[in-house]
Amino acid sequence: MNDFEKTIVEELGRWQQTGKVARFWLRDDDAVEPTAPLDRLLEISGIFSVPLTLAIIPAHTGEALAARLEREPLCTVAVHGWSHKNYAGAEEKKQELGRHRPAAAVLGELKQGFDRLAGLHSGRFVPMLVPPWNRIDAALVPHLAGLGYEALSVYGPEKPADLPLINSHVDVMDWHGTRGGRDPQALVVEIVARLRHMFDNGGTMGLLTHHLVHDDAVWNFMSALFAVTSRHPACLWTPVPDILRGQKAPVHQG
């Protein structure tokens, strides 16, 4: 057993000793159309029976992706904004769902995105919004339920919100450095830190991936993580609809 596996197994062993099961979930962003990287993602997650939620950009997708996903029973679909277009200024963090446009225009696009993906992916659609760049103006959130959304997924510990939050917590990508996969041991340290928080406070461990920009380091990490966790009795990779059913009220702790 290597250091990677040992670190995970030791923490999950603590869960097993107390009869607890840690719920993991997988979110992958920026899907638009069938590609070789998407095929690889679906293959790896399928080998280990890991449910996958694809955050799809509504403005740029269509029937081709819907047809490809028809043979993927473990895959669900969430709304990734509308066009993944940045409206923030040059000195600001990128944001599509910010205060840079009238709220009515932003909400109109979010309704359009909801309806488009619900129509294309009716059997696997989850009424969850994944804001591009994990950012959304807080003033918009109270209006999401009126558009049909039942959950919101951003990045980091959950905070009080007007909708149930199903967040991602560990991002495999080194966005500010190599723009490739991060060091596997550093990722495991973050996963274990999240697990320790969950042990006392509840919640889930959301892994965030971006199939279109993965290098071999990311694919290898995912395979290794899935291999050690999917067979452990104290870990359950959980479909998002199951998580959502357990969150019928706003989340007040991460």
C-alpha atoms as a PDB file:
ATOM      1  CA  MET A   1       0.000   0.000   0.000  1.00  0.00           C
ATOM      2  CA  ASN A   2       1.481   3.370  -1.045  1.00  0.00           C
ATOM      3  CA  ASP A   3       1.290   6.600   0.978  1.00  0.00           C
ATOM      4  CA  PHE A   4      -1.671   7.803  -1.096  1.00  0.00           C
ATOM      5  CA  GLU A   5      -3.750   4.728  -0.276  1.00  0.00           C
ATOM      6  CA  LYS A   6      -2.586   4.546   3.332  1.00  0.00           C
ATOM      7  CA  THR A   7      -3.702   8.103   4.094  1.00  0.00           C
ATOM      8  CA  ILE A   8      -7.194   7.504   2.711  1.00  0.00           C
ATOM      9  CA  VAL A   9      -7.612   4.036   4.206  1.00  0.00           C
ATOM     10  CA  GLU A  10      -6.573   5.173   7.671  1.00  0.00           C
ATOM     11  CA  GLU A  11      -9.182   7.927   7.738  1.00  0.00           C
ATOM     12  CA  LEU A  12     -11.931   5.734   6.295  1.00  0.00           C
ATOM     13  CA  GLY A  13     -10.964   3.096   8.859  1.00  0.00           C
ATOM     14  CA  ARG A  14     -11.890   5.573  11.581  1.00  0.00           C
ATOM     15  CA  TRP A  15     -15.296   5.962   9.957  1.00  0.00           C
ATOM     16  CA  GLN A  16     -15.730   2.220   9.692  1.00  0.00           C
ATOM     17  CA  GLN A  17     -14.924   1.681  13.371  1.00  0.00           C
ATOM     18  CA  THR A  18     -17.791   3.965  14.362  1.00  0.00           C
ATOM     19  CA  GLY A  19     -20.243   2.582  11.795  1.00  0.00           C
ATOM     20  CA  LYS A  20     -20.262   5.754   9.706  1.00  0.00           C
ATOM     21  CA  VAL A  21     -20.197   5.982   5.919  1.00  0.00           C
ATOM     22  CA  ALA A  22     -18.600   8.953   4.132  1.00  0.00           C
ATOM     23  CA  ARG A  23     -20.550  10.112   1.104  1.00  0.00           C
ATOM     24  CA  PHE A  24     -18.481  11.291  -1.870  1.00  0.00           C
ATOM     25  CA  TRP A  25     -19.796  12.771  -5.103  1.00  0.00           C
ATOM     26  CA  LEU A  26     -18.235  13.667  -8.448  1.00  0.00           C
ATOM     27  CA  ARG A  27     -18.901  16.861 -10.415  1.00  0.00           C
ATOM     28  CA  ASP A  28     -17.303  17.583 -13.778  1.00  0.00           C
ATOM     29  CA  ASP A  29     -17.683  21.019 -15.366  1.00  0.00           C
ATOM     30  CA  ASP A  30     -17.924  22.511 -18.860  1.00  0.00           C
ATOM     31  CA  ALA A  31     -19.436  19.645 -20.842  1.00  0.00           C
ATOM     32  CA  VAL A  32     -20.839  20.640 -24.237  1.00  0.00           C
ATOM     33  CA  GLU A  33     -20.493  17.806 -26.735  1.00  0.00           C
ATOM     34  CA  PRO A  34     -19.142  14.264 -27.084  1.00  0.00           C
ATOM     35  CA  THR A  35     -15.335  14.228 -27.014  1.00  0.00           C
ATOM     36  CA  ALA A  36     -12.539  11.753 -26.402  1.00  0.00           C
ATOM     37  CA  PRO A  37     -11.869  13.233 -22.930  1.00  0.00           C
ATOM     38  CA  LEU A  38     -15.543  12.856 -22.039  1.00  0.00           C
ATOM     39  CA  ASP A  39     -15.429   9.244 -23.156  1.00  0.00           C
ATOM     40  CA  ARG A  40     -12.423   8.703 -20.906  1.00  0.00           C
ATOM     41  CA  LEU A  41     -14.183  10.317 -17.952  1.00  0.00           C
ATOM     42  CA  LEU A  42     -17.258   8.172 -18.457  1.00  0.00           C
ATOM     43  CA  GLU A  43     -15.099   5.064 -18.831  1.00  0.00           C
ATOM     44  CA  ILE A  44     -13.106   5.661 -15.630  1.00  0.00           C
ATOM     45  CA  SER A  45     -16.133   6.520 -13.540  1.00  0.00           C
ATOM     46  CA  GLY A  46     -18.029   3.586 -15.019  1.00  0.00           C
ATOM     47  CA  ILE A  47     -15.306   1.054 -14.230  1.00  0.00           C
ATOM     48  CA  PHE A  48     -15.639   1.873 -10.526  1.00  0.00           C
ATOM     49  CA  SER A  49     -19.417   2.508 -10.603  1.00  0.00           C
ATOM     50  CA  VAL A  50     -18.909   6.129  -9.538  1.00  0.00           C
ATOM     51  CA  PRO A  51     -22.001   8.288 -10.245  1.00  0.00           C
ATOM     52  CA  LEU A  52     -21.108  11.402 -12.221  1.00  0.00           C
ATOM     53  CA  THR A  53     -22.799  14.789 -12.476  1.00  0.00           C
ATOM     54  CA  LEU A  54     -21.921  16.715 -15.629  1.00  0.00           C
ATOM     55  CA  ALA A  55     -22.325  20.484 -15.419  1.00  0.00           C
ATOM     56  CA  ILE A  56     -23.358  21.283 -19.005  1.00  0.00           C
ATOM     57  CA  ILE A  57     -23.218  24.715 -20.662  1.00  0.00           C
ATOM     58  CA  PRO A  58     -26.757  25.048 -22.109  1.00  0.00           C
ATOM     59  CA  ALA A  59     -26.064  27.616 -24.848  1.00  0.00           C
ATOM     60  CA  HIS A  60     -23.440  25.459 -26.550  1.00  0.00           C
ATOM     61  CA  THR A  61     -24.861  21.952 -26.272  1.00  0.00           C
ATOM     62  CA  GLY A  62     -27.438  19.935 -28.137  1.00  0.00           C
ATOM     63  CA  GLU A  63     -28.749  16.573 -29.236  1.00  0.00           C
ATOM     64  CA  ALA A  64     -25.326  15.022 -29.799  1.00  0.00           C
ATOM     65  CA  LEU A  65     -24.393  15.056 -26.116  1.00  0.00           C
ATOM     66  CA  ALA A  66     -27.877  13.979 -25.102  1.00  0.00           C
ATOM     67  CA  ALA A  67     -27.603  10.963 -27.387  1.00  0.00           C
ATOM     68  CA  ARG A  68     -24.145  10.090 -26.059  1.00  0.00           C
ATOM     69  CA  LEU A  69     -25.339  10.116 -22.458  1.00  0.00           C
ATOM     70  CA  GLU A  70     -28.322   7.897 -23.121  1.00  0.00           C
ATOM     71  CA  ARG A  71     -26.138   4.833 -22.530  1.00  0.00           C
ATOM     72  CA  GLU A  72     -24.669   6.163 -19.268  1.00  0.00           C
ATOM     73  CA  PRO A  73     -27.037   5.187 -16.420  1.00  0.00           C
ATOM     74  CA  LEU A  74     -24.731   6.599 -13.719  1.00  0.00           C
ATOM     75  CA  CYS A  75     -24.563  10.078 -15.263  1.00  0.00           C
ATOM     76  CA  THR A  76     -26.779  13.006 -14.290  1.00  0.00           C
ATOM     77  CA  VAL A  77     -26.848  16.525 -15.716  1.00  0.00           C
ATOM     78  CA  ALA A  78     -26.850  19.952 -14.037  1.00  0.00           C
ATOM     79  CA  VAL A  79     -27.065  23.503 -15.437  1.00  0.00           C
ATOM     80  CA  HIS A  80     -23.725  25.290 -15.840  1.00  0.00           C
ATOM     81  CA  GLY A  81     -24.925  28.872 -16.203  1.00  0.00           C
ATOM     82  CA  TRP A  82     -26.015  29.752 -19.725  1.00  0.00           C
ATOM     83  CA  SER A  83     -23.064  30.498 -22.034  1.00  0.00           C
ATOM     84  CA  HIS A  84     -20.097  30.491 -19.603  1.00  0.00           C
ATOM     85  CA  LYS A  85     -19.336  34.037 -20.733  1.00  0.00           C
ATOM     86  CA  ASN A  86     -17.403  36.389 -18.479  1.00  0.00           C
ATOM     87  CA  TYR A  87     -19.047  39.771 -17.888  1.00  0.00           C
ATOM     88  CA  ALA A  88     -16.677  40.974 -15.160  1.00  0.00           C
ATOM     89  CA  GLY A  89     -14.069  43.643 -15.705  1.00  0.00           C
ATOM     90  CA  ALA A  90     -10.418  42.985 -16.422  1.00  0.00           C
ATOM     91  CA  GLU A  91      -9.450  43.537 -12.787  1.00  0.00           C
ATOM     92  CA  GLU A  92     -12.263  41.379 -11.372  1.00  0.00           C
ATOM     93  CA  LYS A  93     -12.614  37.650 -10.930  1.00  0.00           C
ATOM     94  CA  LYS A  94     -14.436  36.053 -13.825  1.00  0.00           C
ATOM     95  CA  GLN A  95     -18.193  35.863 -13.423  1.00  0.00           C
ATOM     96  CA  GLU A  96     -21.208  35.225 -15.625  1.00  0.00           C
ATOM     97  CA  LEU A  97     -23.863  35.442 -12.921  1.00  0.00           C
ATOM     98  CA  GLY A  98     -22.827  38.709 -11.300  1.00  0.00           C
ATOM     99  CA  ARG A  99     -24.136  42.268 -11.019  1.00  0.00           C
ATOM    100  CA  HIS A 100     -22.699  43.333 -14.349  1.00  0.00           C
ATOM    101  CA  ARG A 101     -26.072  42.948 -16.093  1.00  0.00           C
ATOM    102  CA  PRO A 102     -29.687  43.474 -15.031  1.00  0.00           C
ATOM    103  CA  ALA A 103     -30.891  40.689 -12.750  1.00  0.00           C
ATOM    104  CA  ALA A 104     -33.846  40.033 -15.063  1.00  0.00           C
ATOM    105  CA  ALA A 105     -31.485  39.278 -17.956  1.00  0.00           C
ATOM    106  CA  VAL A 106     -29.365  36.891 -15.903  1.00  0.00           C
ATOM    107  CA  LEU A 107     -32.386  35.102 -14.450  1.00  0.00           C
ATOM    108  CA  GLY A 108     -33.942  34.864 -17.896  1.00  0.00           C
ATOM    109  CA  GLU A 109     -30.881  33.039 -19.173  1.00  0.00           C
ATOM    110  CA  LEU A 110     -30.878  30.727 -16.164  1.00  0.00           C
ATOM    111  CA  LYS A 111     -34.503  29.826 -16.856  1.00  0.00           C
ATOM    112  CA  GLN A 112     -33.671  29.246 -20.510  1.00  0.00           C
ATOM    113  CA  GLY A 113     -30.757  27.015 -19.518  1.00  0.00           C
ATOM    114  CA  PHE A 114     -32.929  25.063 -17.107  1.00  0.00           C
ATOM    115  CA  ASP A 115     -35.610  24.449 -19.728  1.00  0.00           C
ATOM    116  CA  ARG A 116     -33.109  23.536 -22.433  1.00  0.00           C
ATOM    117  CA  LEU A 117     -31.278  20.893 -20.405  1.00  0.00           C
ATOM    118  CA  ALA A 118     -34.467  19.544 -18.844  1.00  0.00           C
ATOM    119  CA  GLY A 119     -35.766  18.976 -22.362  1.00  0.00           C
ATOM    120  CA  LEU A 120     -32.576  17.453 -23.743  1.00  0.00           C
ATOM    121  CA  HIS A 121     -31.829  15.245 -20.727  1.00  0.00           C
ATOM    122  CA  SER A 122     -35.228  14.603 -19.167  1.00  0.00           C
ATOM    123  CA  GLY A 123     -34.315  11.255 -17.640  1.00  0.00           C
ATOM    124  CA  ARG A 124     -31.057  12.380 -16.060  1.00  0.00           C
ATOM    125  CA  PHE A 125     -31.639  16.079 -15.404  1.00  0.00           C
ATOM    126  CA  VAL A 126     -31.057  17.380 -11.867  1.00  0.00           C
ATOM    127  CA  PRO A 127     -32.571  20.813 -11.068  1.00  0.00           C
ATOM    128  CA  MET A 128     -29.249  22.121  -9.753  1.00  0.00           C
ATOM    129  CA  LEU A 129     -27.351  25.236 -10.806  1.00  0.00           C
ATOM    130  CA  VAL A 130     -23.566  25.128 -11.078  1.00  0.00           C
ATOM    131  CA  PRO A 131     -22.441  28.745 -11.597  1.00  0.00           C
ATOM    132  CA  PRO A 132     -19.507  29.187 -13.994  1.00  0.00           C
ATOM    133  CA  TRP A 133     -16.325  29.844 -12.027  1.00  0.00           C
ATOM    134  CA  ASN A 134     -18.355  28.861  -8.923  1.00  0.00           C
ATOM    135  CA  ARG A 135     -19.557  32.451  -8.505  1.00  0.00           C
ATOM    136  CA  ILE A 136     -23.049  33.923  -8.339  1.00  0.00           C
ATOM    137  CA  ASP A 137     -24.376  37.215  -7.014  1.00  0.00           C
ATOM    138  CA  ALA A 138     -26.035  36.461  -3.673  1.00  0.00           C
ATOM    139  CA  ALA A 139     -28.992  38.657  -4.640  1.00  0.00           C
ATOM    140  CA  LEU A 140     -29.906  36.202  -7.412  1.00  0.00           C
ATOM    141  CA  VAL A 141     -30.047  33.105  -5.227  1.00  0.00           C
ATOM    142  CA  PRO A 142     -33.490  33.781  -3.631  1.00  0.00           C
ATOM    143  CA  HIS A 143     -35.004  33.845  -7.150  1.00  0.00           C
ATOM    144  CA  LEU A 144     -33.645  30.459  -8.276  1.00  0.00           C
ATOM    145  CA  ALA A 145     -36.413  28.365  -6.724  1.00  0.00           C
ATOM    146  CA  GLY A 146     -38.962  30.304  -8.748  1.00  0.00           C
ATOM    147  CA  LEU A 147     -37.147  29.193 -11.902  1.00  0.00           C
ATOM    148  CA  GLY A 148     -37.361  25.535 -10.867  1.00  0.00           C
ATOM    149  CA  TYR A 149     -33.939  25.088  -9.298  1.00  0.00           C
ATOM    150  CA  GLU A 150     -33.827  22.930  -6.175  1.00  0.00           C
ATOM    151  CA  ALA A 151     -30.103  23.110  -5.367  1.00  0.00           C
ATOM    152  CA  LEU A 152     -26.967  25.160  -5.930  1.00  0.00           C
ATOM    153  CA  SER A 153     -23.408  23.859  -6.266  1.00  0.00           C
ATOM    154  CA  VAL A 154     -20.376  26.110  -5.845  1.00  0.00           C
ATOM    155  CA  TYR A 155     -16.916  25.459  -4.380  1.00  0.00           C
ATOM    156  CA  GLY A 156     -15.890  25.252  -0.749  1.00  0.00           C
ATOM    157  CA  PRO A 157     -17.604  24.733   2.595  1.00  0.00           C
ATOM    158  CA  GLU A 158     -21.366  25.153   2.535  1.00  0.00           C
ATOM    159  CA  LYS A 159     -22.798  28.354   4.020  1.00  0.00           C
ATOM    160  CA  PRO A 160     -26.380  29.409   4.831  1.00  0.00           C
ATOM    161  CA  ALA A 161     -28.342  29.832   1.609  1.00  0.00           C
ATOM    162  CA  ASP A 162     -31.847  30.085   0.193  1.00  0.00           C
ATOM    163  CA  LEU A 163     -31.390  26.752  -1.584  1.00  0.00           C
ATOM    164  CA  PRO A 164     -29.794  23.475  -0.493  1.00  0.00           C
ATOM    165  CA  LEU A 165     -26.069  23.559  -1.275  1.00  0.00           C
ATOM    166  CA  ILE A 166     -24.290  20.534  -2.719  1.00  0.00           C
ATOM    167  CA  ASN A 167     -20.785  21.898  -3.071  1.00  0.00           C
ATOM    168  CA  SER A 168     -17.539  20.618  -4.466  1.00  0.00           C
ATOM    169  CA  HIS A 169     -14.635  20.744  -2.002  1.00  0.00           C
ATOM    170  CA  VAL A 170     -11.494  19.447  -3.719  1.00  0.00           C
ATOM    171  CA  ASP A 171     -10.438  20.587  -7.218  1.00  0.00           C
ATOM    172  CA  VAL A 172      -7.973  18.342  -9.039  1.00  0.00           C
ATOM    173  CA  MET A 173      -6.632  21.161 -11.249  1.00  0.00           C
ATOM    174  CA  ASP A 174      -3.676  23.460 -10.546  1.00  0.00           C
ATOM    175  CA  TRP A 175      -5.314  26.500 -12.126  1.00  0.00           C
ATOM    176  CA  HIS A 176      -2.770  29.048 -10.916  1.00  0.00           C
ATOM    177  CA  GLY A 177       0.355  27.014 -11.632  1.00  0.00           C
ATOM    178  CA  THR A 178       0.907  24.274 -14.183  1.00  0.00           C
ATOM    179  CA  ARG A 179      -2.784  24.174 -15.210  1.00  0.00           C
ATOM    180  CA  GLY A 180      -2.407  20.419 -15.017  1.00  0.00           C
ATOM    181  CA  GLY A 181      -3.158  17.951 -12.259  1.00  0.00           C
ATOM    182  CA  ARG A 182      -2.231  18.832  -8.692  1.00  0.00           C
ATOM    183  CA  ASP A 183       0.094  16.728  -6.537  1.00  0.00           C
ATOM    184  CA  PRO A 184      -1.798  13.561  -5.539  1.00  0.00           C
ATOM    185  CA  GLN A 185      -0.659  13.631  -1.931  1.00  0.00           C
ATOM    186  CA  ALA A 186      -1.758  17.257  -1.564  1.00  0.00           C
ATOM    187  CA  LEU A 187      -5.172  16.305  -2.932  1.00  0.00           C
ATOM    188  CA  VAL A 188      -5.447  13.418  -0.485  1.00  0.00           C
ATOM    189  CA  VAL A 189      -4.559  15.726   2.402  1.00  0.00           C
ATOM    190  CA  GLU A 190      -7.431  18.009   1.370  1.00  0.00           C
ATOM    191  CA  ILE A 191      -9.813  15.069   1.043  1.00  0.00           C
ATOM    192  CA  VAL A 192      -8.897  13.791   4.495  1.00  0.00           C
ATOM    193  CA  ALA A 193      -9.332  17.276   5.980  1.00  0.00           C
ATOM    194  CA  ARG A 194     -12.816  17.392   4.479  1.00  0.00           C
ATOM    195  CA  LEU A 195     -13.571  13.908   5.818  1.00  0.00           C
ATOM    196  CA  ARG A 196     -12.532  14.939   9.317  1.00  0.00           C
ATOM    197  CA  HIS A 197     -14.865  17.914   9.129  1.00  0.00           C
ATOM    198  CA  MET A 198     -17.662  15.659   7.895  1.00  0.00           C
ATOM    199  CA  PHE A 199     -17.053  13.166  10.681  1.00  0.00           C
ATOM    200  CA  ASP A 200     -18.147  15.760  13.230  1.00  0.00           C
ATOM    201  CA  ASN A 201     -20.458  17.973  11.180  1.00  0.00           C
ATOM    202  CA  GLY A 202     -21.962  15.868   8.411  1.00  0.00           C
ATOM    203  CA  GLY A 203     -22.032  16.762   4.737  1.00  0.00           C
ATOM    204  CA  THR A 204     -20.453  15.264   1.633  1.00  0.00           C
ATOM    205  CA  MET A 205     -17.044  15.284  -0.075  1.00  0.00           C
ATOM    206  CA  GLY A 206     -17.386  16.778  -3.543  1.00  0.00           C
ATOM    207  CA  LEU A 207     -14.598  16.109  -6.059  1.00  0.00           C
ATOM    208  CA  LEU A 208     -14.391  18.656  -8.895  1.00  0.00           C
ATOM    209  CA  THR A 209     -12.935  17.755 -12.290  1.00  0.00           C
ATOM    210  CA  HIS A 210     -12.774  19.352 -15.750  1.00  0.00           C
ATOM    211  CA  HIS A 211     -12.450  16.581 -18.340  1.00  0.00           C
ATOM    212  CA  LEU A 212     -11.558  18.844 -21.261  1.00  0.00           C
ATOM    213  CA  VAL A 213      -8.255  19.955 -19.699  1.00  0.00           C
ATOM    214  CA  HIS A 214      -7.108  16.854 -17.811  1.00  0.00           C
ATOM    215  CA  ASP A 215      -3.555  15.630 -18.186  1.00  0.00           C
ATOM    216  CA  ASP A 216      -2.309  12.152 -17.319  1.00  0.00           C
ATOM    217  CA  ALA A 217      -1.733  13.201 -13.706  1.00  0.00           C
ATOM    218  CA  VAL A 218      -5.454  13.870 -13.258  1.00  0.00           C
ATOM    219  CA  TRP A 219      -6.598  10.679 -14.939  1.00  0.00           C
ATOM    220  CA  ASN A 220      -4.154   8.633 -12.859  1.00  0.00           C
ATOM    221  CA  PHE A 221      -5.266  10.325  -9.659  1.00  0.00           C
ATOM    222  CA  MET A 222      -8.924   9.696 -10.380  1.00  0.00           C
ATOM    223  CA  SER A 223      -8.320   6.029 -11.125  1.00  0.00           C
ATOM    224  CA  ALA A 224      -6.276   5.578  -7.948  1.00  0.00           C
ATOM    225  CA  LEU A 225      -8.799   7.425  -5.785  1.00  0.00           C
ATOM    226  CA  PHE A 226     -11.756   5.516  -7.215  1.00  0.00           C
ATOM    227  CA  ALA A 227      -9.943   2.211  -6.769  1.00  0.00           C
ATOM    228  CA  VAL A 228      -9.259   2.714  -3.065  1.00  0.00           C
ATOM    229  CA  THR A 229     -12.555   4.384  -2.131  1.00  0.00           C
ATOM    230  CA  SER A 230     -15.084   2.475  -4.215  1.00  0.00           C
ATOM    231  CA  ARG A 231     -14.218  -0.804  -2.528  1.00  0.00           C
ATOM    232  CA  HIS A 232     -14.072   0.576   1.034  1.00  0.00           C
ATOM    233  CA  PRO A 233     -17.155  -0.171   3.174  1.00  0.00           C
ATOM    234  CA  ALA A 234     -16.994   3.255   4.843  1.00  0.00           C
ATOM    235  CA  CYS A 235     -17.188   5.183   1.563  1.00  0.00           C
ATOM    236  CA  LEU A 236     -20.162   5.597  -0.756  1.00  0.00           C
ATOM    237  CA  TRP A 237     -19.980   7.463  -4.061  1.00  0.00           C
ATOM    238  CA  THR A 238     -23.460   8.945  -4.123  1.00  0.00           C
ATOM    239  CA  PRO A 239     -25.715  10.175  -6.958  1.00  0.00           C
ATOM    240  CA  VAL A 240     -26.646  13.832  -6.626  1.00  0.00           C
ATOM    241  CA  PRO A 241     -30.412  13.109  -6.600  1.00  0.00           C
ATOM    242  CA  ASP A 242     -29.891  11.007  -3.461  1.00  0.00           C
ATOM    243  CA  ILE A 243     -27.974  13.842  -1.799  1.00  0.00           C
ATOM    244  CA  LEU A 244     -30.652  16.342  -2.786  1.00  0.00           C
ATOM    245  CA  ARG A 245     -33.426  14.223  -1.342  1.00  0.00           C
ATOM    246  CA  GLY A 246     -31.691  14.458   2.013  1.00  0.00           C
ATOM    247  CA  GLN A 247     -31.463  18.261   1.817  1.00  0.00           C
ATOM    248  CA  LYS A 248     -34.950  19.668   1.802  1.00  0.00           C
ATOM    249  CA  ALA A 249     -33.982  22.690   3.910  1.00  0.00           C
ATOM    250  CA  PRO A 250     -31.178  25.265   3.529  1.00  0.00           C
ATOM    251  CA  VAL A 251     -27.782  24.029   4.720  1.00  0.00           C
ATOM    252  CA  HIS A 252     -26.368  25.819   7.776  1.00  0.00           C
ATOM    253  CA  GLN A 253     -23.072  24.031   8.119  1.00  0.00           C
ATOM    254  CA  GLY A 254     -20.505  22.557   5.757  1.00  0.00           C
END
